[in-house]
Amino acid sequence: MGLFENISMALAGLRANKMRAFLTMLGIIIGIGSVIAISTLGSIMEASVMDIFNSQGGSNLMQFYVTMKSEPAREYYLDEDLITGEMIDAFEERFPDEVECVIINNGSTGGTMNIRHKEYDVTVYAVSPGYIRQSMTTVEAGRYISDRDCEELRYTCVISDKQAEKLFGSKRGAIGKRITVTLTGGDMIDLTVVGVYKYQISGIMSTMVGNIDDWNNEIYMPYTTMGRLQGADTDTFFQFNINTKTGTDAQKFAEKAENYFNDTFYRDNDSMQVRCFTAESQMAMIDEMLGILQLAISVIAGISLLVGGIGVMNIMLVSVTERTREIGVRKAMGAPNSAIRTQFIVESIIICLIGGAVGILTGIGMGNIAGLIVGTTAPPSLGSILLAVGFSMAIGIFFGYYPANRAAKLDPIEALRYE
């Protein structure tokens, strides 16, 4: 009996027992579908992270943090441990060919703003002029926060285009107008609008924050002014960012910048130091975390495939028992053991391949649905599909061999006597 005849017999057997065949395939479908869906979701998450990464300055972004040394004399921070404005100014002067701009985001404060008797939640960010380069925000009217705003502690702000349209009817109509924000805690501040930015959000973030048309709560003001409002030192920082100039070797400059801060300003500090993280290193950490998550979920999906394989073995043993007389007839007519074995292995592979195909389609569908939800699409990798198909065949051969071998070893006389 040839291969095509074996395939034809296998398909006829599946058609004769549709429900049993479906239940047998279910474990394979769930396992393969999970693997494909996880692969697609991983690609979607990576694309979304890349969107956020690029929106925050991309490969030119570097972040500086005050961290503890490996063996600190104390495990708490003092004011003297923080980075000062003078340190940052000296750093900029020392590396003019590498530093494009300094980016300071000195925290945020929640609040509310009344628009036509309706209360809207807002978040007021305390930022430096360089923040616009990191956020890649486009100012559509007016200007952004300036150095003079920060130096003179002005009560100026930049609002979104959606806020400007709701408050004043147009973007240009908002310039020079005043808004009142009630901060968390009850304090009210009056801010003069000096600029309107185009609000942008993409990928998974749009799902996290909800409807983009209603989510317009970001307001930017000088970090020095916010510091004075909060009664804090406006010129000390736990962390700050920079954008490097195009062509700068990020890894080499990160090492050079770290050494500069620690040798110049933190040499005598027995507990703290400054660490620099490049955008590439952070992306590598994120990719590693996503990879571990995908691996963990794939192991769970693999367990589902194992259960599905056991189900295939079980149903093939039942099939061998049901077709004992058929096997006896074939062997009595001279069919060799290899032909009997091949017949049942092919049937097992067909079950797994059909289940694998349905699982691939299910996984692609689940991945596309997830992509539509988060606003980022990513096709499943060809490698994951090939792996799924190969794994389906391997399951068919592995779990089908024992029942097939058992059928091949049946004594033809005993098989013909079987009722």
Protein backbone atom coordinates (compact mmCIF):
# COMPACT_ATOMS: atom_id res chain seq x y z
CA MET A 1 0.00 0.00 0.00
CA GLY A 2 1.43 3.36 -1.07
CA LEU A 3 1.69 6.60 0.86
CA PHE A 4 -1.31 8.19 -0.86
CA GLU A 5 -3.48 5.17 -0.08
CA ASN A 6 -2.44 5.40 3.58
CA ILE A 7 -3.31 9.10 3.62
CA SER A 8 -6.66 8.39 1.95
CA MET A 9 -7.48 5.69 4.53
CA ALA A 10 -6.47 8.00 7.36
CA LEU A 11 -8.73 10.79 6.11
CA ALA A 12 -11.62 8.33 5.64
CA GLY A 13 -11.17 7.18 9.23
CA LEU A 14 -11.24 10.76 10.49
CA ARG A 15 -14.40 11.51 8.52
CA ALA A 16 -16.07 8.44 9.98
CA ASN A 17 -15.33 9.61 13.54
CA LYS A 18 -15.43 13.41 13.30
CA MET A 19 -16.13 14.21 16.96
CA ARG A 20 -13.52 11.78 18.24
CA ALA A 21 -10.98 13.14 15.77
CA PHE A 22 -11.74 16.74 16.82
CA LEU A 23 -11.39 15.97 20.53
CA THR A 24 -8.13 14.17 19.79
CA MET A 25 -6.81 17.19 17.88
CA LEU A 26 -7.94 19.69 20.51
CA GLY A 27 -4.81 19.42 22.63
CA ILE A 28 -2.63 19.87 19.53
CA ILE A 29 -4.73 22.85 18.39
CA ILE A 30 -4.47 24.55 21.79
CA GLY A 31 -0.73 23.92 22.07
CA ILE A 32 0.22 25.01 18.55
CA GLY A 33 -2.22 27.95 18.66
CA SER A 34 -0.67 29.10 21.92
CA VAL A 35 2.87 28.92 20.52
CA ILE A 36 1.94 30.94 17.41
CA ALA A 37 -0.11 33.47 19.42
CA ILE A 38 2.74 33.91 21.92
CA SER A 39 5.23 34.41 19.09
CA THR A 40 2.96 37.02 17.48
CA LEU A 41 2.32 38.77 20.80
CA GLY A 42 6.04 38.87 21.46
CA SER A 43 6.60 40.58 18.09
CA ILE A 44 3.77 43.03 18.84
CA MET A 45 5.18 43.87 22.28
CA GLU A 46 8.65 44.34 20.81
CA ALA A 47 7.24 46.65 18.12
CA SER A 48 5.31 48.64 20.75
CA VAL A 49 8.35 48.97 22.97
CA MET A 50 10.33 50.10 19.93
CA ASP A 51 7.66 52.75 19.21
CA ILE A 52 7.96 54.07 22.77
CA PHE A 53 11.74 53.80 22.59
CA ASN A 54 11.86 55.85 19.37
CA SER A 55 9.36 58.40 20.73
CA GLN A 56 11.70 59.04 23.66
CA GLY A 57 14.74 59.88 21.61
CA GLY A 58 15.68 56.54 20.12
CA SER A 59 19.31 55.46 20.06
CA ASN A 60 20.55 58.95 21.01
CA LEU A 61 18.99 58.85 24.47
CA MET A 62 21.19 58.30 27.53
CA GLN A 63 20.05 58.23 31.15
CA PHE A 64 22.10 59.10 34.24
CA TYR A 65 21.12 57.90 37.73
CA VAL A 66 22.56 58.22 41.21
CA THR A 67 22.98 54.65 42.46
CA MET A 68 24.65 52.90 45.38
CA LYS A 69 28.17 51.56 45.06
CA SER A 70 28.73 47.82 45.31
CA GLU A 71 29.70 48.10 49.00
CA PRO A 72 28.13 51.35 50.28
CA ALA A 73 29.00 52.73 53.69
CA ARG A 74 25.30 53.63 54.07
CA GLU A 75 22.14 52.53 52.30
CA TYR A 76 20.25 55.81 52.23
CA TYR A 77 20.53 59.00 50.21
CA LEU A 78 21.60 62.43 51.44
CA ASP A 79 21.11 65.78 49.70
CA GLU A 80 24.84 65.85 48.99
CA ASP A 81 24.49 62.67 46.92
CA LEU A 82 22.26 64.28 44.30
CA ILE A 83 23.40 65.63 40.95
CA THR A 84 23.43 69.43 40.87
CA GLY A 85 22.84 71.88 38.06
CA GLU A 86 26.48 72.96 38.30
CA MET A 87 27.59 69.37 37.68
CA ILE A 88 25.37 69.14 34.61
CA ASP A 89 26.63 72.50 33.28
CA ALA A 90 30.22 71.37 33.76
CA PHE A 91 29.43 68.08 32.02
CA GLU A 92 27.95 69.93 29.01
CA GLU A 93 31.01 72.19 28.78
CA ARG A 94 33.34 69.19 29.03
CA PHE A 95 31.68 67.26 26.19
CA PRO A 96 30.29 69.82 23.71
CA ASP A 97 30.92 67.53 20.73
CA GLU A 98 28.84 64.67 22.16
CA VAL A 99 25.99 66.32 24.12
CA GLU A 100 23.14 67.64 21.98
CA CYS A 101 20.92 68.70 24.89
CA VAL A 102 20.15 67.96 28.55
CA ILE A 103 16.70 66.60 29.38
CA ILE A 104 15.25 67.08 32.85
CA ASN A 105 11.91 65.66 33.91
CA ASN A 106 11.70 66.45 37.60
CA GLY A 107 8.56 64.48 38.27
CA SER A 108 4.88 65.19 37.81
CA THR A 109 1.87 66.23 39.85
CA GLY A 110 -1.75 65.27 39.32
CA GLY A 111 -4.55 67.77 39.27
CA THR A 112 -7.81 68.82 37.66
CA MET A 113 -8.93 71.49 35.26
CA ASN A 114 -12.50 72.71 34.68
CA ILE A 115 -13.62 73.06 31.08
CA ARG A 116 -17.17 74.34 30.63
CA HIS A 117 -18.29 73.03 34.01
CA LYS A 118 -16.76 69.63 33.33
CA GLU A 119 -13.78 68.46 35.35
CA TYR A 120 -10.81 66.88 33.54
CA ASP A 121 -7.89 65.09 35.15
CA VAL A 122 -4.49 66.50 34.21
CA THR A 123 -0.88 65.65 34.90
CA VAL A 124 1.55 68.55 35.18
CA TYR A 125 5.12 67.63 34.23
CA ALA A 126 8.09 69.65 35.48
CA VAL A 127 10.53 69.71 32.55
CA SER A 128 13.50 71.46 31.03
CA PRO A 129 13.68 72.99 27.53
CA GLY A 130 15.49 69.90 26.24
CA TYR A 131 12.54 67.67 27.09
CA ILE A 132 10.97 68.32 23.69
CA ARG A 133 13.87 66.55 21.99
CA GLN A 134 13.28 63.42 24.04
CA SER A 135 9.53 63.36 23.67
CA MET A 136 9.72 64.15 19.93
CA THR A 137 6.75 66.46 20.50
CA THR A 138 5.89 68.92 17.75
CA VAL A 139 4.92 72.43 18.86
CA GLU A 140 2.14 73.56 16.52
CA ALA A 141 1.59 77.03 17.95
CA GLY A 142 3.71 79.31 20.12
CA ARG A 143 6.89 77.89 21.62
CA TYR A 144 8.16 75.33 24.09
CA ILE A 145 9.47 75.93 27.61
CA SER A 146 12.61 78.11 27.36
CA ASP A 147 15.79 78.49 29.39
CA ARG A 148 14.57 81.91 30.52
CA ASP A 149 11.30 80.39 31.79
CA CYS A 150 13.37 78.09 33.98
CA GLU A 151 15.86 80.73 35.10
CA GLU A 152 13.15 83.24 36.08
CA LEU A 153 10.80 80.59 37.54
CA ARG A 154 7.97 81.71 35.28
CA TYR A 155 4.44 80.33 35.53
CA THR A 156 4.28 79.29 31.88
CA CYS A 157 3.02 76.09 30.35
CA VAL A 158 2.59 74.14 27.13
CA ILE A 159 -0.71 72.32 26.59
CA SER A 160 -1.92 69.79 24.01
CA ASP A 161 -3.79 70.65 20.83
CA LYS A 162 -6.87 68.86 22.19
CA GLN A 163 -6.81 70.91 25.39
CA ALA A 164 -6.39 74.14 23.38
CA GLU A 165 -9.36 73.32 21.17
CA LYS A 166 -11.58 72.43 24.14
CA LEU A 167 -10.54 75.47 26.16
CA PHE A 168 -10.13 78.21 23.56
CA GLY A 169 -11.54 76.87 20.30
CA SER A 170 -8.24 76.77 18.42
CA LYS A 171 -4.51 76.20 18.90
CA ARG A 172 -3.39 79.73 18.09
CA GLY A 173 -6.23 81.17 20.17
CA ALA A 174 -4.74 79.55 23.26
CA ILE A 175 -1.38 81.40 23.11
CA GLY A 176 -1.12 84.02 25.87
CA LYS A 177 -4.25 82.82 27.66
CA ARG A 178 -4.29 81.69 31.27
CA ILE A 179 -5.47 78.37 32.68
CA THR A 180 -6.15 77.43 36.27
CA VAL A 181 -5.09 74.01 37.53
CA THR A 182 -6.09 72.63 40.91
CA LEU A 183 -3.21 70.41 42.04
CA THR A 184 -3.63 67.31 44.15
CA GLY A 185 -3.83 68.63 47.70
CA GLY A 186 -5.96 71.63 46.84
CA ASP A 187 -3.40 74.23 45.70
CA MET A 188 -4.50 76.27 42.68
CA ILE A 189 -2.00 77.68 40.16
CA ASP A 190 -2.51 80.03 37.23
CA LEU A 191 -0.36 79.27 34.20
CA THR A 192 0.10 81.26 31.01
CA VAL A 193 -0.05 79.19 27.82
CA VAL A 194 3.07 79.85 25.72
CA GLY A 195 2.79 76.86 23.39
CA VAL A 196 0.53 74.13 22.03
CA TYR A 197 1.96 70.73 21.12
CA LYS A 198 0.53 68.03 18.89
CA TYR A 199 -0.56 65.17 21.07
CA GLN A 200 0.68 61.82 19.80
CA ILE A 201 0.38 58.32 21.18
CA SER A 202 0.91 54.99 19.53
CA GLY A 203 1.04 51.25 19.97
CA ILE A 204 0.27 49.56 23.24
CA MET A 205 0.19 52.84 25.15
CA SER A 206 -3.05 53.84 23.44
CA THR A 207 -4.68 50.75 24.90
CA MET A 208 -3.31 51.43 28.37
CA VAL A 209 -4.63 54.97 28.51
CA GLY A 210 -7.95 54.37 26.79
CA ASN A 211 -9.66 56.57 24.22
CA ILE A 212 -7.09 58.88 22.62
CA ASP A 213 -9.77 61.52 21.90
CA ASP A 214 -10.47 61.96 25.59
CA TRP A 215 -6.96 61.43 26.96
CA ASN A 216 -5.39 64.88 26.80
CA ASN A 217 -4.05 65.43 30.28
CA GLU A 218 -0.35 66.24 29.80
CA ILE A 219 0.69 69.80 30.66
CA TYR A 220 4.34 70.90 30.73
CA MET A 221 5.77 73.69 32.88
CA PRO A 222 9.30 74.77 33.96
CA TYR A 223 10.82 72.31 36.42
CA THR A 224 12.22 75.18 38.50
CA THR A 225 8.78 76.72 38.99
CA MET A 226 7.34 73.37 40.05
CA GLY A 227 10.24 72.95 42.48
CA ARG A 228 9.48 76.28 44.12
CA LEU A 229 5.78 75.37 44.38
CA GLN A 230 6.71 72.15 46.14
CA GLY A 231 9.25 73.84 48.39
CA ALA A 232 12.07 71.69 46.98
CA ASP A 233 15.55 72.51 45.78
CA THR A 234 15.10 73.33 42.09
CA ASP A 235 18.70 72.59 41.17
CA THR A 236 19.35 69.06 42.44
CA PHE A 237 18.40 65.85 40.66
CA PHE A 238 18.29 62.15 41.29
CA GLN A 239 18.49 61.51 37.56
CA PHE A 240 18.65 63.30 34.23
CA ASN A 241 18.83 62.38 30.54
CA ILE A 242 20.73 63.64 27.56
CA ASN A 243 20.44 63.33 23.79
CA THR A 244 23.77 62.72 22.14
CA LYS A 245 24.73 64.18 18.80
CA THR A 246 24.42 62.02 15.69
CA GLY A 247 27.49 59.87 15.16
CA THR A 248 28.39 59.56 18.85
CA ASP A 249 29.42 56.06 19.90
CA ALA A 250 26.90 55.56 22.71
CA GLN A 251 28.70 52.73 24.51
CA LYS A 252 32.09 54.44 24.56
CA PHE A 253 30.62 57.77 25.55
CA ALA A 254 28.58 56.18 28.37
CA GLU A 255 31.78 54.81 29.90
CA LYS A 256 33.54 58.15 29.45
CA ALA A 257 30.62 60.09 30.99
CA GLU A 258 30.39 57.73 33.98
CA ASN A 259 34.10 58.09 34.66
CA TYR A 260 33.85 61.88 34.40
CA PHE A 261 31.08 62.16 37.00
CA ASN A 262 32.55 59.60 39.40
CA ASP A 263 36.14 60.84 39.17
CA THR A 264 35.24 64.54 39.28
CA PHE A 265 32.28 64.74 41.68
CA TYR A 266 31.86 61.38 43.46
CA ARG A 267 35.44 60.35 44.15
CA ASP A 268 35.10 61.11 47.88
CA ASN A 269 31.52 59.80 48.18
CA ASP A 270 31.77 56.50 50.04
CA SER A 271 28.29 55.26 49.14
CA MET A 272 26.97 56.69 45.89
CA GLN A 273 28.01 56.87 42.27
CA VAL A 274 26.53 57.90 38.91
CA ARG A 275 25.59 55.21 36.40
CA CYS A 276 24.84 55.82 32.74
CA PHE A 277 22.47 53.65 30.72
CA THR A 278 22.30 53.79 26.94
CA ALA A 279 19.11 53.26 24.99
CA GLU A 280 20.58 50.09 23.46
CA SER A 281 21.35 48.57 26.85
CA GLN A 282 17.82 49.25 28.05
CA MET A 283 16.34 47.74 24.89
CA ALA A 284 18.55 44.68 25.40
CA MET A 285 17.21 44.27 28.94
CA ILE A 286 13.63 44.64 27.72
CA ASP A 287 14.22 42.10 24.94
CA GLU A 288 15.71 39.69 27.47
CA MET A 289 12.68 40.06 29.75
CA LEU A 290 10.29 39.55 26.83
CA GLY A 291 12.29 36.50 25.76
CA ILE A 292 12.09 34.96 29.24
CA LEU A 293 8.34 35.64 29.35
CA GLN A 294 7.84 34.06 25.93
CA LEU A 295 9.92 31.05 26.93
CA ALA A 296 7.92 30.53 30.15
CA ILE A 297 4.58 30.67 28.34
CA SER A 298 5.93 28.47 25.54
CA VAL A 299 6.84 25.82 28.12
CA ILE A 300 3.23 25.88 29.33
CA ALA A 301 2.07 25.55 25.71
CA GLY A 302 4.52 22.66 25.32
CA ILE A 303 2.84 20.88 28.22
CA SER A 304 -0.45 21.28 26.36
CA LEU A 305 1.18 19.71 23.29
CA LEU A 306 2.44 16.82 25.41
CA VAL A 307 -1.07 16.22 26.74
CA GLY A 308 -2.34 16.42 23.16
CA GLY A 309 0.26 13.86 22.08
CA ILE A 310 -0.83 11.47 24.83
CA GLY A 311 -4.40 11.91 23.57
CA VAL A 312 -3.23 10.97 20.06
CA MET A 313 -1.51 7.86 21.41
CA ASN A 314 -4.65 6.91 23.33
CA ILE A 315 -6.94 7.26 20.32
CA MET A 316 -4.53 5.34 18.10
CA LEU A 317 -4.52 2.47 20.60
CA VAL A 318 -8.32 2.51 20.47
CA SER A 319 -8.13 2.55 16.66
CA VAL A 320 -5.79 -0.46 16.65
CA THR A 321 -8.18 -2.35 18.91
CA GLU A 322 -11.20 -1.49 16.73
CA ARG A 323 -9.42 -2.55 13.54
CA THR A 324 -7.82 -5.71 14.82
CA ARG A 325 -9.70 -7.92 12.32
CA GLU A 326 -8.74 -5.56 9.46
CA ILE A 327 -5.10 -5.87 10.51
CA GLY A 328 -5.44 -9.66 10.63
CA VAL A 329 -6.87 -9.74 7.10
CA ARG A 330 -4.11 -7.56 5.72
CA LYS A 331 -1.40 -9.65 7.39
CA ALA A 332 -3.03 -12.88 6.18
CA MET A 333 -2.89 -11.47 2.66
CA GLY A 334 0.84 -10.93 3.01
CA ALA A 335 1.14 -7.33 4.24
CA PRO A 336 4.53 -6.94 5.98
CA ASN A 337 4.86 -5.47 9.46
CA SER A 338 6.38 -2.29 8.01
CA ALA A 339 3.22 -1.65 5.92
CA ILE A 340 0.97 -1.99 8.98
CA ARG A 341 3.28 0.20 11.02
CA THR A 342 3.41 2.85 8.29
CA GLN A 343 -0.39 2.88 7.98
CA PHE A 344 -0.95 3.80 11.61
CA ILE A 345 2.00 6.22 11.82
CA VAL A 346 0.66 8.08 8.77
CA GLU A 347 -2.78 8.26 10.39
CA SER A 348 -1.24 9.65 13.56
CA ILE A 349 0.77 12.23 11.60
CA ILE A 350 -2.36 13.27 9.64
CA ILE A 351 -4.24 13.87 12.90
CA CYS A 352 -1.39 16.01 14.26
CA LEU A 353 -0.85 17.92 11.02
CA ILE A 354 -4.53 18.83 10.72
CA GLY A 355 -4.55 19.84 14.39
CA GLY A 356 -1.34 21.81 13.82
CA ALA A 357 -2.80 23.61 10.79
CA VAL A 358 -5.93 24.59 12.71
CA GLY A 359 -3.73 25.64 15.62
CA ILE A 360 -1.59 27.85 13.35
CA LEU A 361 -4.69 29.57 11.96
CA THR A 362 -6.07 29.97 15.49
CA GLY A 363 -2.80 31.42 16.75
CA ILE A 364 -2.55 33.86 13.83
CA GLY A 365 -6.15 34.93 14.45
CA MET A 366 -5.51 35.47 18.17
CA GLY A 367 -2.34 37.42 17.37
CA ASN A 368 -4.14 39.65 14.87
CA ILE A 369 -6.93 40.35 17.37
CA ALA A 370 -4.31 41.35 19.96
CA GLY A 371 -2.63 43.53 17.32
CA LEU A 372 -5.89 45.32 16.57
CA ILE A 373 -6.45 45.93 20.28
CA VAL A 374 -3.03 47.50 20.90
CA GLY A 375 -2.84 49.25 17.54
CA THR A 376 0.35 47.49 16.40
CA THR A 377 0.44 44.65 13.91
CA ALA A 378 3.16 42.06 13.53
CA PRO A 379 2.99 38.87 11.45
CA PRO A 380 3.95 35.57 13.06
CA SER A 381 7.50 34.57 12.31
CA LEU A 382 8.07 31.96 9.63
CA GLY A 383 10.34 30.15 12.06
CA SER A 384 7.55 29.70 14.62
CA ILE A 385 5.19 28.34 11.92
CA LEU A 386 7.82 25.89 10.63
CA LEU A 387 8.58 24.88 14.21
CA ALA A 388 4.88 24.29 14.84
CA VAL A 389 4.53 22.12 11.71
CA GLY A 390 7.70 20.19 12.51
CA PHE A 391 6.60 19.69 16.10
CA SER A 392 3.20 18.42 14.92
CA MET A 393 4.88 15.81 12.71
CA ALA A 394 7.26 14.84 15.51
CA ILE A 395 4.34 14.35 17.90
CA GLY A 396 2.56 12.23 15.29
CA ILE A 397 5.58 10.00 14.77
CA PHE A 398 6.56 9.78 18.45
CA PHE A 399 3.14 9.11 19.91
CA GLY A 400 1.93 7.12 16.92
CA TYR A 401 4.85 4.71 16.83
CA TYR A 402 3.89 2.61 19.86
CA PRO A 403 0.30 1.93 18.71
CA ALA A 404 1.55 1.34 15.14
CA ASN A 405 4.24 -1.04 16.32
CA ARG A 406 1.71 -2.86 18.48
CA ALA A 407 -0.56 -3.26 15.43
CA ALA A 408 2.34 -4.50 13.33
CA LYS A 409 3.19 -7.22 15.87
CA LEU A 410 -0.32 -8.65 16.11
CA ASP A 411 -0.56 -12.35 15.36
CA PRO A 412 -2.71 -12.63 12.22
CA ILE A 413 -4.56 -15.73 13.48
CA GLU A 414 -5.40 -14.10 16.81
CA ALA A 415 -6.37 -10.92 14.99
CA LEU A 416 -8.80 -12.78 12.71
CA ARG A 417 -10.41 -14.45 15.73
CA TYR A 418 -10.88 -11.07 17.47
CA GLU A 419 -14.53 -10.08 18.03
